[in-house]
Structure formats: structure tokens, C-alpha cells
Amino acid sequence: MKTFADKVLEFNEWLANVSLDLPDAVRNPFRGENQDQIKEVTKLFYQNIMQTIRKDF
């Protein structure tokens, strides 16, 4: 069974691979020059937050 974190990370991966027609003022952080760093940071965040939530409940 997938965790919430797994689902969020899958969605983020989808965002990295989809072409969205966004206004110039809106940026897709999951694409572009920093996408590898953003992917790693979000992965660590969601894994950590889910571990914290499990400890609290």
C-alpha cells in the first residue's frame, strides 16, 4: 500500500514530466535546472514528515 508521501512524490514526478501551459509569472519547480535538487529535497521532506506523524500517532 502506498503512503501519502509515496503518492505526493509520484505526483511531483508527474509534474516533472508534463508540459503545462502556465503564465510567465508561474513556474513549475519540478522542471528546469534545479529539478534534481528539488526532487531530492521534497523526497527527504515527505519521508521525514511521514515518519514524524507516525511517531505522534
C-alpha atoms as a PDB file:
ATOM      1  CA  MET A   1       0.000   0.000   0.000  1.00  0.00           C
ATOM      2  CA  LYS A   2       1.361   3.401  -0.954  1.00  0.00           C
ATOM      3  CA  THR A   3       1.798   6.004   1.729  1.00  0.00           C
ATOM      4  CA  PHE A   4       0.717   9.598   1.366  1.00  0.00           C
ATOM      5  CA  ALA A   5       4.376  10.511   0.872  1.00  0.00           C
ATOM      6  CA  ASP A   6       4.687   7.970  -1.957  1.00  0.00           C
ATOM      7  CA  LYS A   7       1.634   9.439  -3.663  1.00  0.00           C
ATOM      8  CA  VAL A   8       2.922  13.013  -3.341  1.00  0.00           C
ATOM      9  CA  LEU A   9       6.319  12.024  -4.727  1.00  0.00           C
ATOM     10  CA  GLU A  10       4.664  10.250  -7.663  1.00  0.00           C
ATOM     11  CA  PHE A  11       2.625  13.366  -8.367  1.00  0.00           C
ATOM     12  CA  ASN A  12       5.767  15.504  -8.220  1.00  0.00           C
ATOM     13  CA  GLU A  13       7.420  13.147 -10.709  1.00  0.00           C
ATOM     14  CA  TRP A  14       4.393  13.510 -12.981  1.00  0.00           C
ATOM     15  CA  LEU A  15       4.744  17.299 -12.754  1.00  0.00           C
ATOM     16  CA  ALA A  16       8.379  16.990 -13.798  1.00  0.00           C
ATOM     17  CA  ASN A  17       7.381  15.146 -16.968  1.00  0.00           C
ATOM     18  CA  VAL A  18       4.286  17.057 -18.049  1.00  0.00           C
ATOM     19  CA  SER A  19       4.254  20.183 -20.140  1.00  0.00           C
ATOM     20  CA  LEU A  20       1.928  22.750 -18.603  1.00  0.00           C
ATOM     21  CA  ASP A  21       0.870  25.959 -20.297  1.00  0.00           C
ATOM     22  CA  LEU A  22       1.493  28.312 -17.377  1.00  0.00           C
ATOM     23  CA  PRO A  23       1.629  32.110 -17.286  1.00  0.00           C
ATOM     24  CA  ASP A  24       5.131  33.572 -17.197  1.00  0.00           C
ATOM     25  CA  ALA A  25       4.703  34.506 -13.533  1.00  0.00           C
ATOM     26  CA  VAL A  26       4.055  30.869 -12.561  1.00  0.00           C
ATOM     27  CA  ARG A  27       6.961  28.465 -12.522  1.00  0.00           C
ATOM     28  CA  ASN A  28       6.916  24.662 -12.306  1.00  0.00           C
ATOM     29  CA  PRO A  29       9.766  23.927  -9.849  1.00  0.00           C
ATOM     30  CA  PHE A  30       9.797  20.244 -10.809  1.00  0.00           C
ATOM     31  CA  ARG A  31      11.152  21.101 -14.262  1.00  0.00           C
ATOM     32  CA  GLY A  32      14.227  23.048 -15.192  1.00  0.00           C
ATOM     33  CA  GLU A  33      17.749  23.495 -13.984  1.00  0.00           C
ATOM     34  CA  ASN A  34      17.111  22.721 -10.290  1.00  0.00           C
ATOM     35  CA  GLN A  35      14.732  19.788 -10.726  1.00  0.00           C
ATOM     36  CA  ASP A  36      17.154  17.184  -9.314  1.00  0.00           C
ATOM     37  CA  GLN A  37      17.748  19.187  -6.124  1.00  0.00           C
ATOM     38  CA  ILE A  38      14.039  19.917  -5.713  1.00  0.00           C
ATOM     39  CA  LYS A  39      13.182  16.255  -6.205  1.00  0.00           C
ATOM     40  CA  GLU A  40      15.694  15.236  -3.516  1.00  0.00           C
ATOM     41  CA  VAL A  41      14.543  17.897  -1.025  1.00  0.00           C
ATOM     42  CA  THR A  42      10.856  17.039  -1.439  1.00  0.00           C
ATOM     43  CA  LYS A  43      11.624  13.321  -1.123  1.00  0.00           C
ATOM     44  CA  LEU A  44      13.504  13.884   2.140  1.00  0.00           C
ATOM     45  CA  PHE A  45      10.777  16.212   3.435  1.00  0.00           C
ATOM     46  CA  TYR A  46       7.875  13.854   2.795  1.00  0.00           C
ATOM     47  CA  GLN A  47       9.719  10.815   4.119  1.00  0.00           C
ATOM     48  CA  ASN A  48      10.668  12.737   7.260  1.00  0.00           C
ATOM     49  CA  ILE A  49       7.233  14.248   7.864  1.00  0.00           C
ATOM     50  CA  MET A  50       5.545  10.872   7.483  1.00  0.00           C
ATOM     51  CA  GLN A  51       7.936   9.308   9.996  1.00  0.00           C
ATOM     52  CA  THR A  52       7.225  12.161  12.416  1.00  0.00           C
ATOM     53  CA  ILE A  53       3.463  11.775  12.012  1.00  0.00           C
ATOM     54  CA  ARG A  54       3.664   8.022  12.600  1.00  0.00           C
ATOM     55  CA  LYS A  55       5.597   8.588  15.833  1.00  0.00           C
ATOM     56  CA  ASP A  56       2.962  11.022  17.081  1.00  0.00           C
ATOM     57  CA  PHE A  57       0.050   8.648  16.470  1.00  0.00           C
END
